[in-house]
Protein backbone atom coordinates (compact mmCIF):
# COMPACT_ATOMS: atom_id res chain seq x y z
CA UNK A 1 121.34 122.00 159.49
CA UNK A 2 124.68 121.12 161.06
CA UNK A 3 125.05 117.54 162.26
CA UNK A 4 128.05 116.47 164.36
CA UNK A 5 129.10 112.82 164.06
CA UNK A 6 131.01 111.63 167.14
CA UNK A 7 132.68 108.51 165.83
CA UNK A 8 135.86 106.66 164.93
CA UNK A 9 138.33 108.04 162.36
CA UNK A 10 136.85 108.13 158.86
CA UNK A 11 139.64 105.93 157.49
CA UNK A 12 137.98 103.00 159.29
CA UNK A 13 134.73 103.51 157.39
CA UNK A 14 133.71 101.19 154.53
CA UNK A 15 131.69 103.47 152.24
CA UNK A 16 129.66 100.64 150.69
CA UNK A 17 128.72 99.07 154.03
CA UNK A 18 128.94 101.62 156.83
CA UNK A 19 125.71 102.97 158.33
CA UNK A 20 127.25 106.25 159.51
CA UNK A 21 128.51 106.91 155.98
CA UNK A 22 124.94 106.34 154.76
CA UNK A 23 123.66 108.89 157.28
CA UNK A 24 126.24 111.44 156.17
CA UNK A 25 125.47 110.86 152.50
CA UNK A 26 121.71 111.11 153.04
CA UNK A 27 122.01 114.27 155.14
CA UNK A 28 124.34 115.84 152.59
CA UNK A 29 121.83 115.03 149.87
CA UNK A 30 119.23 117.03 151.81
CA UNK A 31 121.50 120.05 152.09
CA UNK A 32 122.95 119.55 155.57
CA UNK A 33 126.51 120.01 156.82
CA UNK A 34 128.54 117.09 158.23
CA UNK A 35 130.94 117.84 161.08
CA UNK A 36 133.23 115.00 162.21
CA UNK A 37 134.92 114.50 165.56
CA UNK A 38 136.27 111.71 167.70
CA UNK A 39 135.51 111.37 171.41
CA UNK A 40 138.94 112.83 172.20
CA UNK A 41 137.87 116.05 170.42
CA UNK A 42 135.12 116.76 172.95
CA UNK A 43 135.81 119.25 175.71
CA UNK A 44 134.01 121.25 178.38
CA UNK A 45 134.74 124.94 178.81
CA UNK A 46 132.87 127.32 181.09
CA UNK A 47 130.51 124.50 181.98
CA UNK A 48 129.42 123.75 178.40
CA UNK A 49 130.37 120.96 176.04
CA UNK A 50 132.17 121.80 172.79
CA UNK A 51 133.96 119.84 170.08
CA UNK A 52 136.80 120.48 167.71
CA UNK A 53 135.25 119.36 164.41
CA UNK A 54 136.21 119.15 160.76
CA UNK A 55 133.83 119.76 157.89
CA UNK A 56 133.31 116.60 155.88
CA UNK A 57 132.00 115.83 152.40
CA UNK A 58 131.30 112.25 151.29
CA UNK A 59 130.60 110.64 147.94
CA UNK A 60 130.19 107.13 146.55
CA UNK A 61 133.05 107.44 144.06
CA UNK A 62 136.66 107.45 145.21
CA UNK A 63 138.01 109.42 146.91
CA UNK A 64 135.02 108.90 149.18
CA UNK A 65 135.93 111.57 151.72
CA UNK A 66 137.13 115.14 151.50
CA UNK A 67 137.87 117.44 154.38
CA UNK A 68 137.08 121.11 154.87
CA UNK A 69 137.97 123.56 157.57
CA UNK A 70 138.31 122.76 161.26
CA UNK A 71 136.46 124.75 163.87
CA UNK A 72 135.24 124.66 167.45
CA UNK A 73 131.50 124.39 167.98
CA UNK A 74 129.29 124.42 171.05
CA UNK A 75 127.18 121.29 170.70
CA UNK A 76 124.05 122.97 172.00
CA UNK A 77 124.25 125.27 168.96
CA UNK A 78 124.22 122.57 166.26
CA UNK A 79 121.00 120.94 165.08
CA UNK A 80 121.98 117.37 165.88
CA UNK A 81 124.63 115.07 167.32
CA UNK A 82 124.95 111.47 166.11
CA UNK A 83 126.89 109.34 168.60
CA UNK A 84 128.31 106.64 166.33
CA UNK A 85 131.48 105.50 168.09
CA UNK A 86 131.97 101.76 167.77
CA UNK A 87 132.62 99.71 170.91
CA UNK A 88 134.53 98.85 173.01
CA UNK A 89 132.61 100.68 175.69
CA UNK A 90 135.72 101.74 177.58
CA UNK A 91 136.58 104.60 179.94
CA UNK A 92 136.90 107.07 177.04
CA UNK A 93 133.45 106.10 175.79
CA UNK A 94 132.02 106.55 179.29
CA UNK A 95 133.60 109.98 179.69
CA UNK A 96 132.33 111.02 176.25
CA UNK A 97 128.74 110.23 177.22
CA UNK A 98 129.18 112.23 180.41
CA UNK A 99 130.46 115.23 178.48
CA UNK A 100 127.72 114.92 175.85
CA UNK A 101 125.11 114.97 178.56
CA UNK A 102 125.86 118.69 178.94
CA UNK A 103 124.03 119.17 175.62
CA UNK A 104 121.17 116.82 176.52
CA UNK A 105 117.76 118.43 176.16
CA UNK A 106 119.19 121.33 174.13
CA UNK A 107 119.66 119.68 170.76
CA UNK A 108 118.93 116.37 169.09
CA UNK A 109 121.26 113.60 170.27
CA UNK A 110 121.01 110.12 168.78
CA UNK A 111 121.22 108.04 170.84
CA UNK A 112 120.75 109.68 174.24
CA UNK A 113 124.09 109.62 176.12
CA UNK A 114 122.36 108.64 179.35
CA UNK A 115 120.59 105.81 177.56
CA UNK A 116 123.88 104.63 176.06
CA UNK A 117 125.41 104.38 179.53
CA UNK A 118 122.47 102.39 180.84
CA UNK A 119 122.01 100.12 177.83
CA UNK A 120 124.88 97.68 177.63
CA UNK A 121 124.21 95.90 174.36
CA UNK A 122 124.36 92.47 175.92
CA UNK A 123 122.74 93.20 179.28
CA UNK A 124 119.91 95.45 178.07
CA UNK A 125 118.08 92.44 176.67
CA UNK A 126 117.71 91.18 180.25
CA UNK A 127 114.84 93.66 180.65
CA UNK A 128 112.88 91.32 178.37
CA UNK A 129 113.69 87.78 179.61
CA UNK A 130 110.49 86.38 178.12
CA UNK A 131 111.97 86.96 174.67
CA UNK A 132 115.51 85.70 175.37
CA UNK A 133 117.16 82.29 175.14
CA UNK A 134 118.32 80.80 178.43
CA UNK A 135 121.05 83.16 179.64
CA UNK A 136 123.63 83.37 182.40
CA UNK A 137 125.76 86.38 183.34
CA UNK A 138 128.65 85.60 185.65
CA UNK A 139 132.42 85.64 186.12
CA UNK A 140 132.40 82.28 187.93
CA UNK A 141 133.99 79.59 185.79
CA UNK A 142 132.39 76.51 187.36
CA UNK A 143 128.96 78.13 187.16
CA UNK A 144 129.50 78.58 183.42
CA UNK A 145 130.46 74.93 182.89
CA UNK A 146 127.40 73.79 184.87
CA UNK A 147 125.12 76.07 182.84
CA UNK A 148 126.42 74.73 179.52
CA UNK A 149 125.69 71.19 180.71
CA UNK A 150 122.18 72.27 181.76
CA UNK A 151 121.34 73.67 178.32
CA UNK A 152 122.37 70.54 176.45
CA UNK A 153 126.14 70.73 176.27
CA UNK A 154 126.50 73.69 173.90
CA UNK A 155 126.51 77.40 174.62
CA UNK A 156 127.85 80.73 173.40
CA UNK A 157 130.03 82.97 175.55
CA UNK A 158 130.30 86.73 174.93
CA UNK A 159 132.35 89.57 176.40
CA UNK A 160 130.08 92.37 177.61
CA UNK A 161 131.94 95.32 176.09
CA UNK A 162 132.75 94.35 172.48
CA UNK A 163 130.78 94.24 169.22
CA UNK A 164 130.77 92.82 165.71
CA UNK A 165 131.18 89.27 166.99
CA UNK A 166 134.54 90.05 168.58
CA UNK A 167 135.34 87.63 171.38
CA UNK A 168 132.17 85.58 170.85
CA UNK A 169 132.94 81.85 171.04
CA UNK A 170 131.12 78.57 171.18
CA UNK A 171 131.37 76.42 174.30
CA UNK A 172 130.94 72.65 174.22
CA UNK A 173 131.09 70.43 177.27
CA UNK A 174 133.23 67.91 175.40
CA UNK A 175 135.70 70.49 174.03
CA UNK A 176 139.09 70.37 175.72
CA UNK A 177 139.50 74.06 174.90
CA UNK A 178 136.37 75.03 176.87
CA UNK A 179 138.19 75.91 180.06
CA UNK A 180 140.77 77.97 178.22
CA UNK A 181 137.98 79.85 176.42
CA UNK A 182 136.15 80.62 179.64
CA UNK A 183 139.33 81.72 181.38
CA UNK A 184 140.18 83.99 178.43
CA UNK A 185 136.79 85.69 178.23
CA UNK A 186 136.37 86.07 182.02
CA UNK A 187 139.98 87.05 182.66
CA UNK A 188 140.32 83.96 184.87
CA UNK A 189 137.20 84.84 186.81
CA UNK A 190 137.76 88.61 187.10
CA UNK A 191 135.35 89.82 184.38
CA UNK A 192 131.65 89.23 183.83
CA UNK A 193 130.59 87.43 180.67
CA UNK A 194 127.27 86.46 179.14
CA UNK A 195 126.62 82.82 178.31
CA UNK A 196 123.57 81.76 176.30
CA UNK A 197 122.24 78.43 175.15
CA UNK A 198 123.30 77.63 171.60
CA UNK A 199 120.47 78.23 169.14
CA UNK A 200 120.74 75.82 166.17
CA UNK A 201 118.54 78.21 164.18
CA UNK A 202 121.62 80.43 163.76
CA UNK A 203 122.51 78.21 160.77
CA UNK A 204 119.54 79.83 159.01
CA UNK A 205 120.63 83.31 160.05
CA UNK A 206 120.82 85.97 162.72
CA UNK A 207 118.14 88.56 161.96
CA UNK A 208 118.91 92.25 162.49
CA UNK A 209 115.72 94.30 162.93
CA UNK A 210 116.36 98.04 162.63
CA UNK A 211 114.13 100.40 164.59
CA UNK A 212 113.64 104.15 164.37
CA UNK A 213 111.81 105.73 167.30
CA UNK A 214 110.22 102.39 168.14
CA UNK A 215 109.04 101.74 164.56
CA UNK A 216 110.37 98.98 162.32
CA UNK A 217 112.48 100.18 159.40
CA UNK A 218 113.02 96.64 158.16
CA UNK A 219 115.24 93.62 158.68
CA UNK A 220 118.20 91.82 157.18
CA UNK A 221 119.26 88.22 157.70
CA UNK A 222 122.93 87.60 158.38
CA UNK A 223 123.87 84.04 157.49
CA UNK A 224 127.15 82.59 158.80
CA UNK A 225 129.84 81.22 156.53
CA UNK A 226 130.10 77.46 156.31
CA UNK A 227 133.20 77.52 158.55
CA UNK A 228 131.72 79.91 161.18
CA UNK A 229 128.86 79.97 163.67
CA UNK A 230 128.99 83.78 164.02
CA UNK A 231 126.92 85.59 161.45
CA UNK A 232 128.11 89.18 161.95
CA UNK A 233 128.83 91.17 158.79
CA UNK A 234 132.26 92.02 160.25
CA UNK A 235 133.26 88.34 160.23
CA UNK A 236 131.98 87.53 156.76
CA UNK A 237 128.30 86.81 157.28
CA UNK A 238 126.19 86.87 154.11
CA UNK A 239 123.30 89.34 154.13
CA UNK A 240 119.94 88.23 152.71
CA UNK A 241 116.56 89.99 152.58
CA UNK A 242 113.98 88.83 155.10
CA UNK A 243 110.59 89.83 156.46
CA UNK A 244 109.67 90.65 160.05
CA UNK A 245 107.26 88.08 161.51
CA UNK A 246 104.14 88.82 163.55
CA UNK A 247 105.88 87.39 166.63
CA UNK A 248 108.82 89.74 166.09
CA UNK A 249 106.44 92.68 165.75
CA UNK A 250 105.04 91.72 169.14
CA UNK A 251 108.60 91.64 170.50
CA UNK A 252 109.23 95.15 169.13
CA UNK A 253 105.98 96.40 170.66
CA UNK A 254 107.10 95.07 174.04
CA UNK A 255 110.50 96.79 173.77
CA UNK A 256 109.38 100.12 172.29
CA UNK A 257 108.18 101.85 175.50
CA UNK A 258 111.42 101.08 177.33
CA UNK A 259 113.53 102.20 174.35
CA UNK A 260 111.60 105.49 174.20
CA UNK A 261 112.02 106.04 177.94
CA UNK A 262 115.79 105.60 177.58
CA UNK A 263 116.10 107.84 174.51
CA UNK A 264 117.24 104.99 172.28
CA UNK A 265 116.00 106.08 168.86
CA UNK A 266 118.07 104.14 166.32
CA UNK A 267 118.37 100.55 167.50
CA UNK A 268 119.26 97.15 166.05
CA UNK A 269 117.69 94.04 167.57
CA UNK A 270 119.43 90.70 167.03
CA UNK A 271 116.98 87.80 166.82
CA UNK A 272 117.83 84.13 166.26
CA UNK A 273 115.00 81.67 165.86
CA UNK A 274 112.58 84.17 167.36
CA UNK A 275 114.78 84.75 170.43
CA UNK A 276 116.21 88.18 171.30
CA UNK A 277 119.96 87.87 171.85
CA UNK A 278 121.18 91.52 171.83
CA UNK A 279 119.94 95.11 171.66
CA UNK A 280 122.45 97.20 169.68
CA UNK A 281 122.42 100.91 170.53
CA UNK A 282 125.96 102.33 170.24
CA UNK A 283 126.39 102.23 166.46
CA UNK A 284 123.92 99.75 164.94
CA UNK A 285 124.77 98.66 161.41
CA UNK A 286 122.89 97.21 158.47
CA UNK A 287 121.10 100.19 156.94
CA UNK A 288 122.99 100.05 153.63
CA UNK A 289 122.21 96.35 153.24
CA UNK A 290 118.56 96.97 154.12
CA UNK A 291 118.42 99.82 151.59
CA UNK A 292 119.71 97.53 148.85
CA UNK A 293 117.04 94.94 149.64
CA UNK A 294 114.07 97.35 149.78
CA UNK A 295 115.18 99.50 146.85
CA UNK A 296 115.33 102.84 148.64
CA UNK A 297 117.76 104.74 150.86
CA UNK A 298 116.45 104.01 154.35
CA UNK A 299 119.06 106.38 155.83
CA UNK A 300 116.96 109.25 154.47
CA UNK A 301 114.17 108.24 156.86
CA UNK A 302 116.58 108.55 159.78
CA UNK A 303 117.77 111.98 158.66
CA UNK A 304 114.16 113.13 158.15
CA UNK A 305 113.42 112.07 161.74
CA UNK A 306 116.42 114.11 162.94
CA UNK A 307 115.18 117.11 160.95
CA UNK A 308 111.74 116.96 162.55
CA UNK A 309 113.24 116.55 166.00
CA UNK A 310 115.61 119.48 165.40
CA UNK A 311 112.73 121.75 164.43
CA UNK A 312 111.21 121.13 167.87
CA UNK A 313 114.37 122.69 169.36
CA UNK A 314 114.69 125.33 166.62
CA UNK A 315 111.16 126.54 165.77
CA UNK A 316 112.66 129.24 163.57
CA UNK A 317 113.80 126.62 161.05
CA UNK A 318 111.67 126.45 157.94
CA UNK A 319 109.77 123.30 157.10
CA UNK A 320 111.68 120.63 155.21
CA UNK A 321 109.96 118.35 152.66
CA UNK A 322 109.45 114.73 153.60
CA UNK A 323 111.76 112.23 151.89
């Protein structure tokens, strides 16, 4: 099978940590072809979406990446498209999802471009308020200060369009920098931001639960450094093994129908102290760390799902053994 990975440049990839690299390696191990492109390489001609791609081979040993020939492909003709572009969710990202929609329903696309547009990673959790901490979304500065006072004097403010902990800051009512922080994140009241009550349980970790087609693949616990409250891997959070609780399984069961409806197949839920803080859908990470903890390559399960889904579009394909 040919899988197109719409993503950032490969020189930004960390082979020992990156989830997309794990997908490419697992697919390659099962005999499939990796085709790489960036959003700028997408184009529509004669009403159909195409991409200028380069053949890619990956390996654990350096050099980790080698390139093959470049070619133009019609995306409806390949067996799968993995949309793995990291945020920010900017105009280019939006346009890419609109172009990719031309292939929707004609090949496997993970995750669905329409679902990606609808599922802002911060705001999507608002569909499930019963599972969230107390949350405010606003651009109004005074409303933010009042909310932080209401939730006990400490909160966390987040930009809506970034990831990996970028721009996430703590707010304290007694901090003289609080107003400067709010003005920075909201663009002096011109941009929406999310503000949530501070959850002290973050000291014990921010759990990432990885889902595939509504089923739990497993979880990792990201523990912040001693000099940080953010626990994201990108900012130095330590990753520990952890189990999924019965309460979290109930949370997943509540989310699964909505995720399926929106075509969100590979998803990462962020849970702190049992509270859902974010639903990551653009390029969820953590599969390499999970694989290390469970002693098997979990990325293979994702590729096997893509194979089965591709065979529904391509009934002429021969059966492929389960991983």
